Amino acid sequence: MKTDIRLADFIRQELEPILQDWEAFARTIFHAEHMDKVGLRDHAKDMLLVITNDLETRQSDTEQAAKSKGFGPEGADDSWAEVHGGERQASGFSVVETVAEFRALRASVVSHWTQTYPTASRQQLDDLTRFHEAIDQAVAESLDHYSTAKEMETRLFGAILVASPDPIYVLDLDGQFVYANKATADLFSLDTASIIGQSTADLGFPFASDFERNLDKVIAGQATYRGQFVHTFASGRGERFEYLLAPVLDDHQNTEAIVCIFRDVTERALAEEKIWYNAHHDHLTGLPNRRLFLDRLEQELKHAKRNRLPLAVLFMDLDGFKDVNDSRGHEAGDRLLSDVAKRLKDCVREEDTVARLGGDEFTVILSGVEHDRDVELVGRTIIDAIAMPFHIGFEQIKISVSIGVTFYPRDADYPVTLLEAADQAMYTAKRSGSNRMCFYET
């Protein structure tokens, strides 16, 4: 026959199997899945040991009556149960999940206890009653602290939304606004009442179609999405925007709403574009520089290979530019280079690329040219245009241009080799008397 022992001693003796039951239950709590398993186990162990200590503590009639109603001692510091409630709220646990921990703890202890003592003594029944009261008190304290922390979080979150300079709003599963902060109303130049219940399409935003497609992806995939669009709202604010869509999940992990945050990145985007432009364009003429020219040539070659189309590269060097630069100064030379760039652009199609490689060297990419005579026509047009007098200040300046031409795939297959071949053909033209065009010959 089993010797009757007190419940507190039984819990200490059977701590390991009780905790094993607890671990099996903890794996079913969604918000506990990503928590440290050792930490969870130690937390349950601490809860049990605190309760066993409570079971062994003498209580006055008043304390007993209070505990039977779920109340702990007045004026005491935060109990472990109150700390538990605050921690669980901060970890994203729902009320149901928080209470479920206590229910599982109670069930595990009672199950092991009743299996060992199917018929209990009066003292053991009193211990069990005190155990239930301790659990009830812990639940009450935990939920009270959980509620207090939740209310504070709600107030703080509300204050953040109101104070945020970024537009933040919530959409339902149909894409309709259910909440919009002040920054959103200010951006849209609408009062909140005019926004709630509407969708981005209802509000007439041109980006609505793409935005709502991405919204559907977030709902279906339960994953955040980052997007961007270009638009100036009725408030006159912004031009470039980034936005973040994030799903809001209920206790069953179903998407119940979507949070969206807009951010005006106009200044940053324009600054980045300016930096990119300066890094890829000649500051004097505004034409693509060597870096951008080679990148475009590479892209044009890929297109030509895919579609089996020819392509021509023209390499140009100005005849007589050095004399102008030396005799009339760099300012006149810079003005002359700018005027040359304008004339070159007028000589080719809009889809062709004109670039300045440096000094008085220019290049042109002619895509889709079928015959040599087509390139000859463009080359002759350029030669005639550059031969026309340039008006620099009160003077007329005359120069000419030497042009070298190379073809893909006839002469070379790669950007650098095409450019080198065109350069060689240009020097052939210059040695032949300048103001002329030569095709590359192996």
Protein backbone atom coordinates (compact mmCIF):
# COMPACT_ATOMS: atom_id res chain seq x y z
CA MET A 1 0.00 0.00 0.00
CA LYS A 2 1.32 3.43 -1.00
CA THR A 3 2.37 5.71 1.81
CA ASP A 4 0.37 8.94 1.76
CA ILE A 5 2.58 11.96 0.96
CA ARG A 6 1.78 15.63 0.66
CA LEU A 7 1.08 17.05 -2.81
CA ALA A 8 4.05 19.42 -2.66
CA ASP A 9 6.44 16.52 -2.08
CA PHE A 10 4.73 14.50 -4.81
CA ILE A 11 5.22 17.30 -7.34
CA ARG A 12 8.91 17.49 -6.51
CA GLN A 13 9.30 13.72 -6.83
CA GLU A 14 7.36 13.50 -10.11
CA LEU A 15 8.73 16.76 -11.57
CA GLU A 16 10.37 15.11 -14.59
CA PRO A 17 7.32 13.18 -15.94
CA ILE A 18 5.10 16.21 -15.24
CA LEU A 19 7.49 18.42 -17.25
CA GLN A 20 7.58 15.88 -20.07
CA ASP A 21 3.80 16.18 -20.37
CA TRP A 22 4.23 19.95 -20.30
CA GLU A 23 6.78 19.90 -23.15
CA ALA A 24 4.42 17.84 -25.32
CA PHE A 25 1.71 20.44 -24.76
CA ALA A 26 4.02 23.44 -25.29
CA ARG A 27 4.78 22.25 -28.81
CA THR A 28 1.10 22.84 -29.70
CA ILE A 29 1.21 26.56 -28.79
CA PHE A 30 1.92 28.59 -31.93
CA HIS A 31 3.79 31.44 -30.25
CA ALA A 32 5.88 28.96 -28.27
CA GLU A 33 7.17 27.21 -31.41
CA HIS A 34 9.96 29.73 -31.91
CA MET A 35 10.82 30.18 -28.23
CA ASP A 36 13.80 28.58 -26.54
CA LYS A 37 12.73 25.05 -25.50
CA VAL A 38 15.00 24.99 -22.49
CA GLY A 39 13.62 28.35 -21.39
CA LEU A 40 10.05 27.11 -21.74
CA ARG A 41 10.79 24.00 -19.68
CA ASP A 42 12.56 25.98 -16.96
CA HIS A 43 9.62 28.39 -16.90
CA ALA A 44 7.17 25.53 -16.26
CA LYS A 45 9.51 24.12 -13.62
CA ASP A 46 9.64 27.49 -11.84
CA MET A 47 5.85 27.72 -11.91
CA LEU A 48 5.51 24.30 -10.26
CA LEU A 49 8.12 25.00 -7.60
CA VAL A 50 6.50 28.30 -6.68
CA ILE A 51 3.17 26.48 -6.28
CA THR A 52 4.73 23.75 -4.15
CA ASN A 53 6.22 26.40 -1.87
CA ASP A 54 2.79 28.03 -1.68
CA LEU A 55 1.21 24.70 -0.70
CA GLU A 56 3.58 24.46 2.26
CA THR A 57 2.99 28.04 3.43
CA ARG A 58 0.59 28.52 6.32
CA GLN A 59 -2.44 30.70 5.48
CA SER A 60 -4.75 32.68 7.69
CA ASP A 61 -8.49 32.33 7.23
CA THR A 62 -8.54 35.71 5.49
CA GLU A 63 -5.76 34.70 3.09
CA GLN A 64 -7.49 31.39 2.45
CA ALA A 65 -10.76 33.14 1.63
CA ALA A 66 -8.99 35.60 -0.68
CA LYS A 67 -7.12 32.87 -2.48
CA SER A 68 -10.31 30.88 -3.03
CA LYS A 69 -11.52 33.92 -5.00
CA GLY A 70 -8.28 34.20 -6.99
CA PHE A 71 -6.72 37.09 -5.04
CA GLY A 72 -3.16 37.18 -3.73
CA PRO A 73 -1.75 39.19 -0.81
CA GLU A 74 -2.30 42.94 -1.09
CA GLY A 75 0.68 45.28 -1.42
CA ALA A 76 3.07 42.51 -2.47
CA ASP A 77 5.61 42.90 -5.26
CA ASP A 78 4.79 41.46 -8.66
CA SER A 79 4.31 37.72 -8.33
CA TRP A 80 5.78 35.20 -10.74
CA ALA A 81 2.30 34.88 -12.30
CA GLU A 82 2.14 38.62 -12.98
CA VAL A 83 5.60 38.54 -14.51
CA HIS A 84 4.43 35.55 -16.59
CA GLY A 85 1.45 37.50 -17.90
CA GLY A 86 3.63 40.45 -18.93
CA GLU A 87 6.18 38.20 -20.62
CA ARG A 88 3.54 36.26 -22.53
CA GLN A 89 1.87 39.45 -23.76
CA ALA A 90 5.24 40.75 -24.94
CA SER A 91 5.91 37.44 -26.72
CA GLY A 92 2.67 37.72 -28.71
CA PHE A 93 0.72 35.04 -26.81
CA SER A 94 -3.05 35.34 -27.00
CA VAL A 95 -5.17 35.23 -23.84
CA VAL A 96 -6.23 31.69 -24.72
CA GLU A 97 -2.60 30.57 -25.11
CA THR A 98 -1.63 32.22 -21.83
CA VAL A 99 -4.44 30.52 -19.89
CA ALA A 100 -3.78 27.21 -21.69
CA GLU A 101 -0.33 27.00 -20.10
CA PHE A 102 -1.89 26.96 -16.63
CA ARG A 103 -4.60 24.54 -17.67
CA ALA A 104 -1.98 22.13 -19.06
CA LEU A 105 0.08 22.44 -15.90
CA ARG A 106 -2.98 21.71 -13.76
CA ALA A 107 -4.00 18.74 -15.94
CA SER A 108 -0.52 17.22 -15.85
CA VAL A 109 -0.21 17.41 -12.06
CA VAL A 110 -3.75 16.14 -11.41
CA SER A 111 -3.33 13.29 -13.88
CA HIS A 112 -0.15 11.99 -12.27
CA TRP A 113 -1.58 12.55 -8.77
CA THR A 114 -4.85 10.67 -9.35
CA GLN A 115 -3.05 7.79 -11.07
CA THR A 116 -0.86 7.40 -8.01
CA TYR A 117 -3.63 8.06 -5.46
CA PRO A 118 -7.02 7.06 -6.92
CA THR A 119 -8.43 7.41 -3.41
CA ALA A 120 -6.94 10.26 -1.42
CA SER A 121 -6.87 11.05 2.28
CA ARG A 122 -8.54 14.13 3.72
CA GLN A 123 -5.18 15.88 3.90
CA GLN A 124 -4.42 15.05 0.28
CA LEU A 125 -7.82 16.37 -0.79
CA ASP A 126 -7.10 19.59 1.10
CA ASP A 127 -3.74 19.82 -0.70
CA LEU A 128 -5.45 19.34 -4.04
CA THR A 129 -7.94 22.07 -3.21
CA ARG A 130 -5.12 24.44 -2.31
CA PHE A 131 -3.34 23.47 -5.54
CA HIS A 132 -6.43 24.39 -7.60
CA GLU A 133 -6.74 27.69 -5.71
CA ALA A 134 -3.05 28.45 -6.33
CA ILE A 135 -3.51 27.81 -10.04
CA ASP A 136 -6.68 29.95 -10.12
CA GLN A 137 -4.86 32.76 -8.32
CA ALA A 138 -1.95 32.52 -10.77
CA VAL A 139 -4.33 32.66 -13.73
CA ALA A 140 -6.08 35.73 -12.30
CA GLU A 141 -2.81 37.54 -11.58
CA SER A 142 -1.30 36.61 -14.94
CA LEU A 143 -4.34 37.78 -16.92
CA ASP A 144 -4.59 40.98 -14.90
CA HIS A 145 -0.99 41.82 -15.71
CA TYR A 146 -1.46 40.64 -19.31
CA SER A 147 -4.45 42.97 -19.66
CA THR A 148 -2.58 45.90 -18.12
CA ALA A 149 0.39 45.36 -20.45
CA LYS A 150 -1.94 44.95 -23.44
CA GLU A 151 -3.78 48.18 -22.68
CA MET A 152 -0.48 50.03 -22.36
CA GLU A 153 0.73 48.53 -25.61
CA THR A 154 -2.49 49.62 -27.31
CA ARG A 155 -2.09 53.17 -26.00
CA LEU A 156 1.56 53.32 -27.04
CA PHE A 157 0.79 51.83 -30.44
CA GLY A 158 -1.99 54.37 -30.93
CA ALA A 159 0.34 57.21 -30.00
CA ILE A 160 2.97 55.92 -32.43
CA LEU A 161 0.45 55.72 -35.26
CA VAL A 162 -0.78 59.26 -34.61
CA ALA A 163 2.73 60.69 -34.31
CA SER A 164 4.24 58.74 -37.23
CA PRO A 165 5.20 60.93 -40.20
CA ASP A 166 4.76 57.88 -42.44
CA PRO A 167 1.27 57.03 -43.75
CA ILE A 168 0.13 53.80 -42.04
CA TYR A 169 -3.18 52.11 -42.66
CA VAL A 170 -5.00 48.78 -42.39
CA LEU A 171 -6.95 47.07 -45.17
CA ASP A 172 -9.46 44.25 -44.90
CA LEU A 173 -9.32 41.18 -47.13
CA ASP A 174 -11.30 43.01 -49.82
CA GLY A 175 -8.67 45.75 -49.94
CA GLN A 176 -10.85 48.33 -48.22
CA PHE A 177 -9.50 50.75 -45.63
CA VAL A 178 -10.50 49.94 -42.05
CA TYR A 179 -7.98 52.30 -40.42
CA ALA A 180 -5.86 55.23 -41.61
CA ASN A 181 -3.59 57.39 -39.47
CA LYS A 182 -3.36 61.17 -39.73
CA ALA A 183 -0.33 61.05 -42.04
CA THR A 184 -2.38 58.98 -44.51
CA ALA A 185 -5.26 61.44 -44.47
CA ASP A 186 -2.85 64.35 -44.94
CA LEU A 187 -1.10 62.64 -47.86
CA PHE A 188 -4.37 61.78 -49.62
CA SER A 189 -5.77 65.24 -48.77
CA LEU A 190 -8.93 63.52 -47.50
CA ASP A 191 -10.57 63.26 -44.10
CA THR A 192 -10.46 59.84 -42.47
CA ALA A 193 -14.20 59.27 -42.92
CA SER A 194 -13.78 59.62 -46.70
CA ILE A 195 -11.04 56.98 -46.72
CA ILE A 196 -12.58 54.25 -44.53
CA GLY A 197 -14.52 51.69 -46.57
CA GLN A 198 -12.81 52.68 -49.83
CA SER A 199 -10.12 50.83 -51.77
CA THR A 200 -7.15 52.32 -53.61
CA ALA A 201 -9.10 51.78 -56.85
CA ASP A 202 -12.16 53.55 -55.38
CA LEU A 203 -9.93 56.50 -54.55
CA GLY A 204 -8.75 56.65 -58.17
CA PHE A 205 -5.05 56.03 -57.58
CA PRO A 206 -3.28 55.01 -60.83
CA PHE A 207 -1.09 52.50 -58.99
CA ALA A 208 -4.16 50.65 -57.62
CA SER A 209 -4.06 47.74 -60.07
CA ASP A 210 -0.49 46.68 -59.24
CA PHE A 211 -0.99 47.45 -55.57
CA GLU A 212 -4.07 45.24 -55.27
CA ARG A 213 -2.36 42.36 -57.11
CA ASN A 214 0.44 42.50 -54.56
CA LEU A 215 -2.16 42.66 -51.80
CA ASP A 216 -3.59 39.35 -53.01
CA LYS A 217 -0.09 37.82 -52.90
CA VAL A 218 0.32 38.87 -49.27
CA ILE A 219 -3.05 37.41 -48.31
CA ALA A 220 -2.36 34.12 -50.10
CA GLY A 221 1.27 33.72 -49.09
CA GLN A 222 1.11 35.29 -45.61
CA ALA A 223 4.43 37.00 -46.31
CA THR A 224 5.45 40.65 -46.38
CA TYR A 225 5.86 42.44 -49.70
CA ARG A 226 7.88 45.54 -50.56
CA GLY A 227 6.88 47.58 -53.59
CA GLN A 228 7.21 51.03 -55.08
CA PHE A 229 5.30 53.41 -57.31
CA VAL A 230 5.48 56.88 -58.81
CA HIS A 231 2.62 59.26 -58.05
CA THR A 232 1.96 62.75 -56.77
CA PHE A 233 -1.08 62.86 -54.48
CA ALA A 234 -3.72 65.59 -54.26
CA SER A 235 -1.80 67.08 -51.33
CA GLY A 236 1.02 67.82 -53.77
CA ARG A 237 3.41 65.75 -51.70
CA GLY A 238 5.76 63.12 -53.02
CA GLU A 239 6.53 61.54 -56.33
CA ARG A 240 8.44 58.36 -55.54
CA PHE A 241 7.10 56.05 -52.85
CA GLU A 242 8.02 52.72 -51.31
CA TYR A 243 5.47 50.65 -49.44
CA LEU A 244 5.42 47.61 -47.20
CA LEU A 245 2.48 45.20 -46.98
CA ALA A 246 2.35 42.82 -44.01
CA PRO A 247 -0.35 40.27 -43.09
CA VAL A 248 -2.16 40.42 -39.74
CA LEU A 249 -2.84 36.88 -38.47
CA ASP A 250 -5.55 35.81 -36.05
CA ASP A 251 -5.16 33.20 -33.29
CA HIS A 252 -5.70 30.43 -35.85
CA GLN A 253 -2.99 31.85 -38.14
CA ASN A 254 -5.44 32.99 -40.79
CA THR A 255 -4.92 36.35 -42.47
CA GLU A 256 -7.53 38.76 -41.13
CA ALA A 257 -6.15 42.10 -42.38
CA ILE A 258 -3.16 43.74 -44.02
CA VAL A 259 -1.07 46.59 -42.67
CA CYS A 260 0.47 49.01 -45.17
CA ILE A 261 3.18 51.61 -44.60
CA PHE A 262 4.01 54.25 -47.22
CA ARG A 263 7.32 56.07 -47.28
CA ASP A 264 8.09 59.12 -49.42
CA VAL A 265 11.53 58.43 -50.92
CA THR A 266 11.44 61.16 -53.56
CA GLU A 267 14.50 63.05 -52.31
CA ARG A 268 16.51 59.86 -51.85
CA ALA A 269 15.48 58.45 -55.24
CA LEU A 270 16.31 61.69 -57.08
CA ALA A 271 19.65 61.91 -55.28
CA GLU A 272 20.46 58.29 -56.22
CA GLU A 273 19.45 58.95 -59.82
CA LYS A 274 21.66 62.04 -59.90
CA ILE A 275 24.60 60.06 -58.54
CA TRP A 276 23.99 57.31 -61.10
CA TYR A 277 23.62 59.87 -63.92
CA ASN A 278 26.84 61.65 -62.99
CA ALA A 279 28.69 58.32 -62.83
CA HIS A 280 27.47 57.27 -66.29
CA HIS A 281 27.36 60.53 -68.27
CA ASP A 282 29.87 63.03 -69.51
CA HIS A 283 29.47 66.18 -67.39
CA LEU A 284 30.25 68.50 -70.31
CA THR A 285 28.02 67.15 -73.10
CA GLY A 286 25.49 65.09 -71.13
CA LEU A 287 26.21 62.12 -73.42
CA PRO A 288 26.81 58.60 -72.06
CA ASN A 289 30.43 58.15 -70.98
CA ARG A 290 32.70 55.18 -71.69
CA ARG A 291 31.23 53.17 -68.82
CA LEU A 292 27.62 53.55 -69.96
CA PHE A 293 28.60 53.18 -73.63
CA LEU A 294 30.19 49.77 -73.00
CA ASP A 295 27.19 48.67 -70.94
CA ARG A 296 24.78 49.68 -73.71
CA LEU A 297 26.99 48.06 -76.33
CA GLU A 298 26.90 44.82 -74.33
CA GLN A 299 23.10 44.95 -74.13
CA GLU A 300 22.79 45.74 -77.84
CA LEU A 301 25.06 42.80 -78.68
CA LYS A 302 22.92 40.42 -76.60
CA HIS A 303 19.83 41.67 -78.44
CA ALA A 304 21.58 41.32 -81.79
CA LYS A 305 22.68 37.75 -81.00
CA ARG A 306 19.20 36.70 -79.89
CA ASN A 307 17.57 38.14 -82.99
CA ARG A 308 20.43 37.51 -85.43
CA LEU A 309 20.68 41.17 -86.33
CA PRO A 310 23.76 43.12 -87.47
CA LEU A 311 25.16 46.05 -85.52
CA ALA A 312 27.69 48.77 -86.30
CA VAL A 313 29.99 50.83 -84.10
CA LEU A 314 31.39 54.19 -85.25
CA PHE A 315 34.51 55.58 -83.56
CA MET A 316 35.11 59.29 -84.21
CA ASP A 317 37.98 61.67 -83.54
CA LEU A 318 37.75 65.39 -84.29
CA ASP A 319 40.33 66.75 -86.73
CA GLY A 320 41.80 70.09 -85.68
CA PHE A 321 40.25 70.19 -82.21
CA LYS A 322 43.61 70.40 -80.42
CA ASP A 323 44.51 73.55 -82.37
CA VAL A 324 41.22 75.19 -81.38
CA ASN A 325 41.68 74.22 -77.74
CA ASP A 326 45.28 75.51 -77.67
CA SER A 327 44.67 78.78 -79.56
CA ARG A 328 41.28 79.82 -78.22
CA GLY A 329 41.34 78.28 -74.74
CA HIS A 330 39.57 75.49 -72.91
CA GLU A 331 36.31 77.41 -72.62
CA ALA A 332 36.01 77.62 -76.40
CA GLY A 333 37.06 73.97 -76.66
CA ASP A 334 34.35 72.91 -74.19
CA ARG A 335 31.74 74.91 -76.11
CA LEU A 336 32.86 73.27 -79.34
CA LEU A 337 32.58 69.76 -77.84
CA SER A 338 29.05 70.51 -76.61
CA ASP A 339 28.00 71.72 -80.06
CA VAL A 340 29.55 68.64 -81.71
CA ALA A 341 27.55 66.40 -79.35
CA LYS A 342 24.30 68.12 -80.39
CA ARG A 343 25.04 67.71 -84.08
CA LEU A 344 25.93 64.04 -83.65
CA LYS A 345 22.63 63.35 -81.92
CA ASP A 346 20.79 65.04 -84.77
CA CYS A 347 22.47 62.73 -87.28
CA VAL A 348 21.22 59.42 -85.84
CA ARG A 349 17.96 57.84 -84.76
CA GLU A 350 16.61 58.30 -81.26
CA GLU A 351 17.22 54.63 -80.45
CA ASP A 352 20.90 54.85 -81.43
CA THR A 353 23.51 55.63 -78.77
CA VAL A 354 25.91 58.57 -79.06
CA ALA A 355 28.65 58.69 -76.42
CA ARG A 356 31.74 60.71 -75.54
CA LEU A 357 34.62 58.47 -74.51
CA GLY A 358 36.84 61.36 -73.46
CA GLY A 359 38.78 64.24 -75.02
CA ASP A 360 37.56 64.69 -78.59
CA GLU A 361 36.62 61.03 -79.10
CA PHE A 362 32.99 60.10 -79.71
CA THR A 363 31.22 56.84 -80.57
CA VAL A 364 27.88 55.79 -82.04
CA ILE A 365 26.06 52.45 -81.85
CA LEU A 366 23.86 51.80 -84.88
CA SER A 367 21.54 48.85 -84.24
CA GLY A 368 19.78 46.79 -86.89
CA VAL A 369 21.73 48.14 -89.89
CA GLU A 370 21.29 45.75 -92.81
CA HIS A 371 23.83 47.05 -95.35
CA ASP A 372 27.16 48.84 -95.45
CA ARG A 373 25.56 51.62 -97.47
CA ASP A 374 23.21 52.38 -94.58
CA VAL A 375 26.22 53.02 -92.35
CA GLU A 376 27.95 54.95 -95.12
CA LEU A 377 24.92 57.24 -95.31
CA VAL A 378 25.01 57.92 -91.58
CA GLY A 379 28.80 58.44 -91.68
CA ARG A 380 28.55 60.87 -94.58
CA THR A 381 25.77 62.78 -92.77
CA ILE A 382 28.03 63.10 -89.70
CA ILE A 383 31.03 64.22 -91.76
CA ASP A 384 28.95 66.90 -93.51
CA ALA A 385 27.40 68.08 -90.24
CA ILE A 386 30.77 68.46 -88.47
CA ALA A 387 32.27 70.23 -91.51
CA MET A 388 29.72 73.03 -91.17
CA PRO A 389 31.16 76.09 -89.33
CA PHE A 390 30.66 76.31 -85.55
CA HIS A 391 29.83 79.71 -84.07
CA ILE A 392 31.86 80.13 -80.89
CA GLY A 393 31.43 83.61 -79.51
CA PHE A 394 31.97 85.99 -82.43
CA GLU A 395 34.10 83.53 -84.39
CA GLN A 396 33.42 80.81 -86.89
CA ILE A 397 35.43 77.68 -86.30
CA LYS A 398 35.87 74.87 -88.79
CA ILE A 399 36.91 71.35 -87.93
CA SER A 400 36.36 67.92 -89.43
CA VAL A 401 35.98 64.34 -88.20
CA SER A 402 37.63 60.98 -88.93
CA ILE A 403 35.39 57.94 -88.54
CA GLY A 404 36.21 54.24 -88.14
CA VAL A 405 33.48 51.63 -88.57
CA THR A 406 33.25 48.05 -87.38
CA PHE A 407 30.46 45.48 -87.63
CA TYR A 408 29.03 42.70 -85.50
CA PRO A 409 29.27 39.81 -86.21
CA ARG A 410 31.56 40.33 -89.19
CA ASP A 411 34.49 41.97 -87.38
CA ALA A 412 34.14 41.12 -83.68
CA ASP A 413 31.82 39.54 -81.10
CA TYR A 414 32.55 41.44 -77.89
CA PRO A 415 32.14 45.10 -76.82
CA VAL A 416 35.83 45.81 -76.20
CA THR A 417 37.05 44.10 -79.38
CA LEU A 418 34.41 45.92 -81.44
CA LEU A 419 35.53 49.23 -79.98
CA GLU A 420 39.22 48.44 -80.58
CA ALA A 421 38.49 47.49 -84.20
CA ALA A 422 36.56 50.72 -84.77
CA ASP A 423 39.44 52.67 -83.19
CA GLN A 424 41.93 51.06 -85.59
CA ALA A 425 39.67 51.89 -88.55
CA MET A 426 39.47 55.52 -87.34
CA TYR A 427 43.28 55.83 -87.30
CA THR A 428 43.32 54.45 -90.83
CA ALA A 429 40.91 57.21 -91.84
CA LYS A 430 43.01 59.87 -90.10
CA ARG A 431 46.22 58.66 -91.73
CA SER A 432 44.41 58.75 -95.09
CA GLY A 433 43.94 62.50 -94.86
CA SER A 434 41.24 62.99 -92.22
CA ASN A 435 37.64 64.08 -92.81
CA ARG A 436 36.74 60.66 -94.06
CA MET A 437 35.37 57.28 -92.99
CA CYS A 438 37.04 53.86 -93.14
CA PHE A 439 35.67 50.38 -92.48
CA TYR A 440 37.70 47.98 -90.41
CA GLU A 441 39.75 45.50 -92.40
CA THR A 442 41.60 42.53 -90.92
